[in-house]
N, C-alpha and C. Protein backbone atom coordinates (compact mmCIF):
# COMPACT_ATOMS: atom_id res chain seq x y z
N UNK A 1 -1.80 6.88 -22.43
CA UNK A 1 -0.45 6.19 -23.37
C UNK A 1 -0.35 6.88 -24.52
N UNK A 2 -1.30 8.09 -24.58
CA UNK A 2 -1.23 8.81 -26.13
C UNK A 2 0.39 9.86 -25.57
N UNK A 3 0.28 10.22 -24.53
CA UNK A 3 1.40 11.05 -24.11
C UNK A 3 2.86 10.70 -24.30
N UNK A 4 2.58 9.23 -23.74
CA UNK A 4 3.44 8.22 -24.05
C UNK A 4 4.22 7.69 -25.61
N UNK A 5 2.97 7.62 -26.19
CA UNK A 5 3.13 7.58 -27.68
C UNK A 5 3.97 8.76 -28.33
N UNK A 6 3.33 9.92 -27.78
CA UNK A 6 3.98 10.93 -28.73
C UNK A 6 5.80 11.42 -28.32
N UNK A 7 5.80 10.85 -26.90
CA UNK A 7 6.75 11.19 -26.50
C UNK A 7 7.69 10.55 -27.13
N UNK A 8 7.70 9.09 -27.22
CA UNK A 8 8.89 8.33 -27.83
C UNK A 8 8.95 8.14 -29.14
N UNK A 9 7.72 8.88 -30.17
CA UNK A 9 7.76 9.45 -31.19
C UNK A 9 8.77 10.42 -31.43
N UNK A 10 9.24 11.30 -30.54
CA UNK A 10 10.05 12.42 -30.66
C UNK A 10 11.29 11.75 -29.95
N UNK A 11 11.52 10.55 -29.49
CA UNK A 11 12.64 10.30 -28.78
C UNK A 11 13.10 11.02 -27.55
N UNK A 12 12.17 11.39 -26.72
CA UNK A 12 12.55 12.17 -25.15
C UNK A 12 12.05 11.18 -24.42
N UNK A 13 13.19 11.48 -23.53
CA UNK A 13 12.78 10.81 -22.22
C UNK A 13 11.60 11.55 -21.13
N UNK A 14 11.23 10.90 -20.27
CA UNK A 14 10.17 11.47 -19.30
C UNK A 14 10.80 12.92 -18.76
N UNK A 15 12.14 12.61 -18.32
CA UNK A 15 12.90 13.92 -18.06
C UNK A 15 12.70 15.01 -19.04
N UNK A 16 13.18 14.81 -20.23
CA UNK A 16 13.24 15.89 -21.15
C UNK A 16 12.04 16.60 -21.22
N UNK A 17 10.84 15.92 -21.52
CA UNK A 17 9.05 15.91 -21.39
C UNK A 17 9.00 16.91 -20.52
N UNK A 18 9.47 16.51 -19.20
CA UNK A 18 9.22 17.46 -18.15
C UNK A 18 9.88 18.78 -17.91
N UNK A 19 11.16 19.06 -18.42
CA UNK A 19 11.82 20.10 -18.51
C UNK A 19 10.63 20.99 -19.59
N UNK A 20 10.78 20.60 -20.95
CA UNK A 20 10.21 21.29 -21.77
C UNK A 20 8.77 21.88 -21.71
N UNK A 21 8.00 20.92 -20.46
CA UNK A 21 6.62 21.28 -20.46
C UNK A 21 6.64 21.73 -19.13
N UNK A 22 7.51 22.09 -18.39
CA UNK A 22 7.64 22.54 -17.21
C UNK A 22 7.00 21.68 -16.13
N UNK A 23 6.62 20.49 -16.23
CA UNK A 23 6.05 19.69 -15.12
C UNK A 23 7.02 19.02 -14.55
N UNK A 24 6.62 18.10 -13.25
CA UNK A 24 7.22 17.53 -12.92
C UNK A 24 7.53 15.96 -13.45
N UNK A 25 8.53 15.40 -13.29
CA UNK A 25 8.75 14.11 -13.81
C UNK A 25 7.42 13.10 -13.32
N UNK A 26 7.46 13.14 -12.31
CA UNK A 26 6.22 12.41 -11.72
C UNK A 26 4.80 12.56 -12.41
N UNK A 27 4.65 14.05 -12.59
CA UNK A 27 3.40 14.30 -13.09
C UNK A 27 3.31 13.64 -14.46
N UNK A 28 4.46 13.88 -15.69
CA UNK A 28 4.25 12.92 -16.92
C UNK A 28 4.25 11.47 -16.61
N UNK A 29 4.98 10.89 -15.43
CA UNK A 29 4.39 9.33 -15.22
C UNK A 29 3.11 9.05 -14.88
N UNK A 30 2.70 9.83 -14.09
CA UNK A 30 1.13 10.02 -13.49
C UNK A 30 0.46 9.63 -15.20
N UNK A 31 0.42 10.64 -15.57
CA UNK A 31 -0.44 10.99 -16.91
C UNK A 31 -0.07 9.95 -17.72
N UNK A 32 1.07 9.33 -17.96
CA UNK A 32 1.57 8.05 -19.03
C UNK A 32 0.63 7.18 -18.46
N UNK A 33 0.73 6.79 -17.27
CA UNK A 33 -0.20 5.55 -16.55
C UNK A 33 -1.32 5.49 -16.30
N UNK A 34 -2.10 6.65 -17.10
CA UNK A 34 -3.86 6.64 -17.33
C UNK A 34 -4.23 7.35 -16.19
N UNK A 35 -3.37 8.16 -15.15
CA UNK A 35 -4.52 8.55 -14.14
C UNK A 35 -4.80 10.21 -14.82
N UNK A 36 -5.96 10.75 -14.09
CA UNK A 36 -6.41 12.02 -14.75
C UNK A 36 -5.75 13.16 -14.42
N UNK A 37 -5.52 13.86 -15.72
CA UNK A 37 -4.43 15.16 -15.45
C UNK A 37 -5.60 16.48 -15.38
N UNK A 38 -4.83 17.32 -14.84
CA UNK A 38 -5.60 18.74 -14.93
C UNK A 38 -5.26 19.49 -16.08
N UNK A 39 -6.38 20.35 -16.13
CA UNK A 39 -6.36 20.91 -17.45
C UNK A 39 -4.83 21.85 -17.78
N UNK A 40 -4.59 22.42 -16.68
CA UNK A 40 -3.24 23.01 -17.01
C UNK A 40 -2.13 21.85 -17.49
N UNK A 41 -2.14 20.98 -17.06
CA UNK A 41 -0.99 19.73 -17.49
C UNK A 41 -1.58 19.98 -19.10
N UNK A 42 -2.97 19.32 -19.29
CA UNK A 42 -3.11 18.92 -20.68
C UNK A 42 -2.62 19.84 -21.73
N UNK A 43 -3.05 21.31 -21.28
CA UNK A 43 -2.79 22.18 -21.88
C UNK A 43 -1.03 22.86 -22.21
N UNK A 44 -0.23 22.24 -21.17
CA UNK A 44 1.33 22.49 -21.08
C UNK A 44 1.71 21.26 -22.28
N UNK A 45 1.16 20.11 -22.00
CA UNK A 45 1.71 18.78 -22.95
C UNK A 45 1.20 19.07 -24.24
N UNK A 46 -0.10 19.96 -24.62
CA UNK A 46 -0.49 19.67 -25.75
C UNK A 46 0.52 20.76 -26.86
N UNK A 47 0.93 21.66 -25.88
CA UNK A 47 1.72 22.76 -26.40
C UNK A 47 3.25 22.18 -26.67
N UNK A 48 3.63 21.52 -26.02
CA UNK A 48 5.07 20.66 -26.25
C UNK A 48 4.42 19.85 -27.44
N UNK A 49 3.97 19.30 -27.46
CA UNK A 49 3.74 18.30 -28.63
C UNK A 49 3.09 19.09 -30.08
N UNK A 50 2.82 20.29 -29.79
CA UNK A 50 2.41 21.25 -30.95
C UNK A 50 1.08 20.52 -31.53
N UNK A 51 0.13 20.09 -30.79
CA UNK A 51 -0.98 19.65 -30.80
C UNK A 51 -2.22 20.03 -30.22
N UNK A 52 -3.39 19.94 -30.77
CA UNK A 52 -4.82 20.34 -29.92
C UNK A 52 -5.09 19.84 -28.70
N UNK A 53 -5.48 20.73 -27.71
CA UNK A 53 -5.81 20.30 -26.29
C UNK A 53 -6.57 19.33 -26.57
N UNK A 54 -7.48 19.31 -27.20
CA UNK A 54 -8.73 18.36 -27.13
C UNK A 54 -8.26 16.91 -27.44
N UNK A 55 -7.13 16.77 -27.91
CA UNK A 55 -6.69 15.57 -28.50
C UNK A 55 -5.95 15.16 -27.30
N UNK A 56 -5.40 15.60 -26.16
CA UNK A 56 -4.95 14.95 -24.77
C UNK A 56 -6.10 15.12 -24.15
N UNK A 57 -7.18 15.95 -23.99
CA UNK A 57 -7.82 15.97 -22.95
C UNK A 57 -9.28 15.14 -23.12
N UNK A 58 -9.36 14.32 -24.33
CA UNK A 58 -10.07 13.04 -24.58
C UNK A 58 -9.22 11.92 -24.21
N UNK A 59 -8.26 11.93 -24.02
CA UNK A 59 -7.42 10.54 -23.72
C UNK A 59 -7.88 10.09 -22.39
N UNK A 60 -8.14 10.29 -21.09
CA UNK A 60 -8.39 9.60 -20.38
C UNK A 60 -9.75 8.28 -20.53
N UNK A 61 -10.46 9.10 -21.17
CA UNK A 61 -11.69 8.28 -21.19
C UNK A 61 -11.58 7.08 -22.26
N UNK A 62 -10.48 7.08 -23.45
CA UNK A 62 -9.99 6.46 -24.29
C UNK A 62 -8.89 5.26 -23.87
N UNK A 63 -8.50 5.52 -22.94
CA UNK A 63 -6.93 5.00 -22.51
C UNK A 63 -6.93 3.49 -22.74
N UNK A 64 -8.05 2.90 -21.71
CA UNK A 64 -8.15 1.55 -22.14
C UNK A 64 -8.43 0.93 -23.67
N UNK A 65 -8.75 1.68 -24.48
CA UNK A 65 -9.08 1.19 -25.76
C UNK A 65 -7.89 1.82 -26.88
N UNK A 66 -6.95 2.85 -26.41
CA UNK A 66 -6.09 3.22 -27.37
C UNK A 66 -4.70 2.66 -27.56
N UNK A 67 -4.64 1.73 -26.57
CA UNK A 67 -3.35 1.03 -26.72
C UNK A 67 -3.65 -0.74 -26.99
N UNK A 68 -3.60 -1.44 -27.82
CA UNK A 68 -3.80 -2.38 -27.99
C UNK A 68 -2.94 -3.88 -27.20
N UNK A 69 -3.12 -4.89 -26.97
CA UNK A 69 -2.95 -5.80 -26.64
C UNK A 69 -1.02 -5.80 -26.95
N UNK A 70 -1.25 -5.96 -28.23
CA UNK A 70 -0.05 -6.08 -28.78
C UNK A 70 0.94 -5.19 -28.63
N UNK A 71 0.61 -3.30 -28.31
CA UNK A 71 1.40 -2.72 -27.50
C UNK A 71 2.11 -2.79 -26.77
N UNK A 72 1.02 -3.20 -25.43
CA UNK A 72 1.38 -3.71 -24.39
C UNK A 72 2.57 -4.59 -24.45
N UNK A 73 2.36 -5.81 -24.84
CA UNK A 73 3.32 -6.55 -25.08
C UNK A 73 4.38 -5.92 -25.31
N UNK A 74 4.43 -5.08 -26.60
CA UNK A 74 5.83 -4.94 -26.81
C UNK A 74 6.75 -4.02 -25.95
N UNK A 75 5.66 -3.08 -24.92
CA UNK A 75 6.51 -2.39 -23.97
C UNK A 75 6.87 -3.54 -23.03
N UNK A 76 6.27 -4.17 -22.68
CA UNK A 76 6.61 -5.11 -21.60
C UNK A 76 7.92 -6.03 -22.11
N UNK A 77 7.84 -6.37 -23.47
CA UNK A 77 9.27 -6.95 -23.88
C UNK A 77 10.43 -5.99 -23.82
N UNK A 78 10.46 -4.53 -24.06
CA UNK A 78 11.20 -3.88 -24.15
C UNK A 78 11.96 -3.57 -22.80
N UNK A 79 10.81 -3.62 -21.97
CA UNK A 79 11.14 -3.19 -20.51
C UNK A 79 12.02 -4.58 -19.93
N UNK A 80 11.71 -5.92 -20.36
CA UNK A 80 12.39 -6.89 -20.06
C UNK A 80 13.77 -7.05 -20.54
N UNK A 81 14.10 -6.25 -21.78
CA UNK A 81 15.12 -6.27 -22.49
C UNK A 81 16.04 -5.28 -21.49
N UNK A 82 15.95 -4.43 -21.28
CA UNK A 82 16.02 -3.23 -20.44
C UNK A 82 16.69 -3.74 -19.31
N UNK A 83 15.91 -4.52 -18.58
CA UNK A 83 15.98 -5.00 -17.31
C UNK A 83 17.50 -5.86 -17.63
N UNK A 84 17.64 -6.55 -18.80
CA UNK A 84 18.44 -7.55 -18.79
C UNK A 84 19.70 -7.04 -19.33
N UNK A 85 19.91 -5.79 -19.85
CA UNK A 85 20.69 -5.32 -20.16
C UNK A 85 21.12 -4.30 -18.98
N UNK A 86 20.86 -4.10 -18.06
CA UNK A 86 20.89 -3.54 -16.56
C UNK A 86 21.65 -4.47 -15.99
N UNK A 87 21.10 -5.73 -15.72
CA UNK A 87 21.84 -6.76 -14.82
C UNK A 87 23.14 -7.10 -15.56
N UNK A 88 23.08 -7.24 -17.01
CA UNK A 88 24.55 -7.68 -17.56
C UNK A 88 25.36 -6.87 -16.94
N UNK A 89 25.24 -5.73 -16.66
CA UNK A 89 26.31 -4.38 -16.74
C UNK A 89 26.77 -4.46 -15.30
N UNK A 90 25.82 -5.09 -14.23
CA UNK A 90 26.07 -5.23 -12.74
C UNK A 90 27.03 -6.19 -12.72
N UNK A 91 26.50 -7.47 -13.53
CA UNK A 91 27.40 -8.48 -13.61
C UNK A 91 28.76 -8.16 -14.32
N UNK A 92 29.05 -7.29 -15.50
CA UNK A 92 30.59 -7.10 -15.51
C UNK A 92 30.99 -6.42 -14.66
N UNK A 93 30.32 -5.55 -13.90
CA UNK A 93 31.13 -4.48 -12.75
C UNK A 93 31.62 -5.45 -11.56
N UNK A 94 30.70 -6.54 -11.36
CA UNK A 94 30.74 -6.98 -9.77
C UNK A 94 31.87 -8.34 -10.46
N UNK A 95 31.78 -9.06 -11.04
CA UNK A 95 32.39 -9.97 -11.45
C UNK A 95 34.14 -9.30 -12.34
N UNK A 96 34.16 -8.43 -12.69
CA UNK A 96 35.23 -7.58 -12.63
C UNK A 96 36.42 -6.92 -11.53
N UNK A 97 35.44 -6.25 -10.50
CA UNK A 97 35.70 -6.32 -8.98
C UNK A 97 36.10 -7.25 -8.67
N UNK A 98 35.58 -8.59 -8.63
CA UNK A 98 35.86 -10.04 -7.81
C UNK A 98 37.23 -10.44 -8.64
N UNK A 99 37.60 -10.21 -9.90
CA UNK A 99 38.69 -10.90 -10.06
C UNK A 99 39.80 -10.06 -9.82
N UNK A 100 39.60 -8.53 -9.97
CA UNK A 100 40.80 -7.89 -9.46
C UNK A 100 41.08 -7.95 -7.57
N UNK A 101 39.82 -8.25 -7.19
CA UNK A 101 40.23 -8.43 -5.81
C UNK A 101 40.96 -9.71 -5.95
N UNK A 102 40.60 -10.76 -6.65
CA UNK A 102 41.14 -12.27 -6.29
C UNK A 102 42.71 -12.12 -6.79
N UNK A 103 43.09 -11.73 -7.85
CA UNK A 103 44.16 -11.65 -8.30
C UNK A 103 45.02 -10.63 -7.58
N UNK A 104 44.79 -9.98 -6.75
CA UNK A 104 45.91 -9.08 -5.96
C UNK A 104 45.74 -9.23 -4.52
N UNK A 105 45.06 -10.50 -4.33
CA UNK A 105 44.92 -11.58 -2.71
C UNK A 105 46.60 -12.38 -2.82
N UNK A 106 46.97 -12.47 -2.05
CA UNK A 106 48.49 -13.28 -1.91
C UNK A 106 47.87 -14.92 -2.43
N UNK A 107 46.48 -15.44 -2.13
CA UNK A 107 46.46 -16.45 -2.19
C UNK A 107 46.58 -17.06 -3.66
N UNK A 108 47.00 -18.22 -3.88
CA UNK A 108 47.14 -18.70 -5.09
C UNK A 108 45.90 -19.25 -5.68
N UNK A 109 44.80 -19.21 -5.44
CA UNK A 109 43.72 -20.00 -5.92
C UNK A 109 42.82 -18.85 -6.24
N UNK A 110 42.30 -19.15 -7.62
CA UNK A 110 41.27 -18.40 -8.12
C UNK A 110 39.89 -18.60 -8.02
N UNK A 111 39.41 -18.08 -6.98
CA UNK A 111 38.02 -18.48 -6.21
C UNK A 111 36.94 -17.64 -7.35
N UNK A 112 37.65 -16.54 -7.86
CA UNK A 112 36.45 -15.67 -8.45
C UNK A 112 35.70 -16.18 -9.72
N UNK A 113 36.37 -17.53 -10.23
CA UNK A 113 35.52 -18.13 -11.55
C UNK A 113 33.86 -18.68 -11.09
N UNK A 114 34.05 -19.28 -9.91
CA UNK A 114 32.73 -19.83 -9.14
C UNK A 114 31.64 -18.83 -9.55
N UNK A 115 31.96 -17.74 -9.00
CA UNK A 115 30.56 -16.30 -9.09
C UNK A 115 30.21 -16.52 -10.37
N UNK A 116 31.32 -16.02 -10.89
CA UNK A 116 31.44 -15.62 -12.51
C UNK A 116 30.77 -16.67 -13.16
N UNK A 117 30.67 -18.16 -13.12
CA UNK A 117 30.28 -19.34 -13.79
C UNK A 117 28.74 -19.25 -13.11
N UNK A 118 28.67 -19.40 -11.86
CA UNK A 118 27.15 -19.23 -11.47
C UNK A 118 26.37 -18.39 -11.88
N UNK A 119 26.90 -17.13 -11.95
CA UNK A 119 26.11 -16.03 -12.23
C UNK A 119 25.85 -16.01 -13.80
N UNK A 120 26.78 -16.24 -14.33
CA UNK A 120 26.97 -15.99 -16.11
C UNK A 120 25.95 -17.22 -16.51
N UNK A 121 26.08 -18.09 -15.83
CA UNK A 121 24.92 -19.30 -16.27
C UNK A 121 23.31 -18.98 -16.20
N UNK A 122 23.40 -18.01 -15.04
CA UNK A 122 21.54 -17.42 -14.80
C UNK A 122 21.63 -16.50 -15.59
N UNK A 123 22.34 -15.41 -16.38
CA UNK A 123 22.31 -14.70 -16.86
C UNK A 123 22.22 -15.26 -18.46
N UNK A 124 22.75 -16.44 -18.92
CA UNK A 124 22.63 -17.13 -20.28
C UNK A 124 20.85 -17.56 -20.09
N UNK A 125 20.66 -18.00 -19.08
CA UNK A 125 19.12 -18.50 -19.07
C UNK A 125 18.33 -17.62 -19.05
N UNK A 126 18.58 -16.26 -18.56
CA UNK A 126 17.56 -15.14 -18.84
C UNK A 126 17.63 -14.46 -19.94
N UNK A 127 19.04 -14.46 -20.80
CA UNK A 127 18.66 -14.02 -22.25
C UNK A 127 18.04 -14.75 -23.01
N UNK A 128 18.03 -16.41 -22.81
CA UNK A 128 17.53 -17.38 -23.42
C UNK A 128 15.93 -16.85 -23.47
N UNK A 129 15.58 -16.59 -22.26
CA UNK A 129 13.95 -16.29 -21.90
C UNK A 129 13.87 -14.98 -22.76
N UNK A 130 14.50 -13.77 -22.41
CA UNK A 130 14.20 -12.32 -23.17
C UNK A 130 14.36 -12.34 -24.40
N UNK A 131 15.19 -12.78 -25.19
CA UNK A 131 15.33 -13.06 -26.35
C UNK A 131 14.79 -14.01 -27.47
N UNK A 132 14.22 -14.95 -26.67
CA UNK A 132 13.58 -16.12 -26.99
C UNK A 132 14.57 -17.26 -27.97
N UNK A 133 15.50 -17.26 -27.36
CA UNK A 133 16.31 -18.30 -28.24
C UNK A 133 15.96 -19.41 -28.50
N UNK A 134 15.09 -20.03 -27.67
CA UNK A 134 14.67 -21.13 -27.94
C UNK A 134 13.13 -21.44 -27.89
N UNK A 135 12.58 -21.20 -28.84
CA UNK A 135 11.48 -21.17 -29.16
C UNK A 135 9.85 -22.08 -28.54
N UNK A 136 10.63 -23.32 -28.20
CA UNK A 136 9.80 -23.86 -27.64
C UNK A 136 9.29 -23.38 -25.81
N UNK A 137 8.03 -23.60 -25.90
CA UNK A 137 7.40 -23.09 -24.97
C UNK A 137 7.58 -21.59 -24.52
N UNK A 138 7.49 -20.83 -25.72
CA UNK A 138 7.84 -19.42 -25.66
C UNK A 138 6.14 -19.04 -25.51
N UNK A 139 6.28 -17.34 -25.98
CA UNK A 139 4.89 -16.65 -26.53
C UNK A 139 3.86 -17.40 -27.24
N UNK A 140 4.70 -17.67 -28.35
CA UNK A 140 3.53 -18.41 -29.15
C UNK A 140 2.85 -19.81 -28.70
N UNK A 141 4.13 -20.66 -28.36
CA UNK A 141 3.35 -21.94 -27.70
C UNK A 141 2.42 -21.50 -26.55
N UNK A 142 2.64 -20.39 -25.58
CA UNK A 142 1.56 -20.11 -24.59
C UNK A 142 0.33 -20.11 -25.15
N UNK A 143 0.27 -19.07 -26.54
CA UNK A 143 -0.82 -18.92 -26.93
C UNK A 143 -1.74 -19.94 -27.73
N UNK A 144 -0.85 -20.82 -28.11
CA UNK A 144 -1.49 -21.75 -28.72
C UNK A 144 -2.39 -23.13 -27.65
N UNK A 145 -1.52 -23.07 -26.64
CA UNK A 145 -2.21 -23.92 -25.68
C UNK A 145 -3.23 -23.28 -24.52
N UNK A 146 -3.17 -22.04 -24.71
CA UNK A 146 -4.58 -21.53 -24.46
C UNK A 146 -5.73 -21.62 -25.24
N UNK A 147 -5.25 -21.30 -26.57
CA UNK A 147 -6.58 -21.39 -27.61
C UNK A 147 -6.62 -22.86 -27.29
N UNK A 148 -5.96 -23.82 -27.54
CA UNK A 148 -6.50 -24.99 -27.42
C UNK A 148 -7.42 -25.21 -26.21
N UNK A 149 -7.04 -24.93 -25.14
CA UNK A 149 -7.66 -25.22 -23.88
C UNK A 149 -9.19 -24.16 -23.74
N UNK A 150 -9.10 -23.16 -24.92
CA UNK A 150 -10.39 -22.63 -24.83
C UNK A 150 -11.15 -22.98 -25.69
N UNK A 151 -10.91 -23.72 -27.00
CA UNK A 151 -11.12 -24.46 -27.91
C UNK A 151 -11.72 -22.92 -28.85
N UNK A 152 -11.13 -22.04 -28.97
CA UNK A 152 -11.29 -20.55 -29.92
C UNK A 152 -9.79 -19.70 -30.03
N UNK A 153 -9.91 -19.14 -31.17
CA UNK A 153 -8.59 -18.20 -31.03
C UNK A 153 -8.90 -16.92 -30.29
N UNK A 154 -7.61 -16.75 -29.81
CA UNK A 154 -7.43 -15.24 -29.05
C UNK A 154 -7.54 -14.17 -29.76
C-alpha cells in the first residue's frame, strides 16, 4: 500500500509508474496488493519515487498495519464512485443508441423510453447508495447498529 500511496500522491496511474520504473503493470498491481516483491523491483520503485530502498523493502511486513480501516474504506468508496460513473457512461451511450434506432425506424411508437426509464431508475437508486443521498441505513447507521449489538464502540 505504500507504493500505492506514493503513486497516488504524484498523481500517476499504474501504467505511468510501470513505464517510469521499467516494470510491468501486473508487477505494480502485485506490489500494491501486498504481494512480496523482488529486490530489483523494490530498487526500481525506490529510484522512481526518489526514496530509500529500505523504506520500501520493509513494507511487506508492515502492510497490514500501514493502512488504516478508514483508508481502506475510502479506497473502496472511490472505487464505487468510479464504477457508478462507468455505468452512467454506458447508460448514456446505450440509451442514445436506442433512441437513434427508435427514431430512425418507421414505426410511430417511441419504445426507447421504457428501457431509459427502467435503467435510469436503477441508476438513481445506485446513485443514492453511492453518494449516500439518504443517510438512513447508511454507513453511520450500520456502525451504530453493530456497536449496539456488540455493546461497545468500534
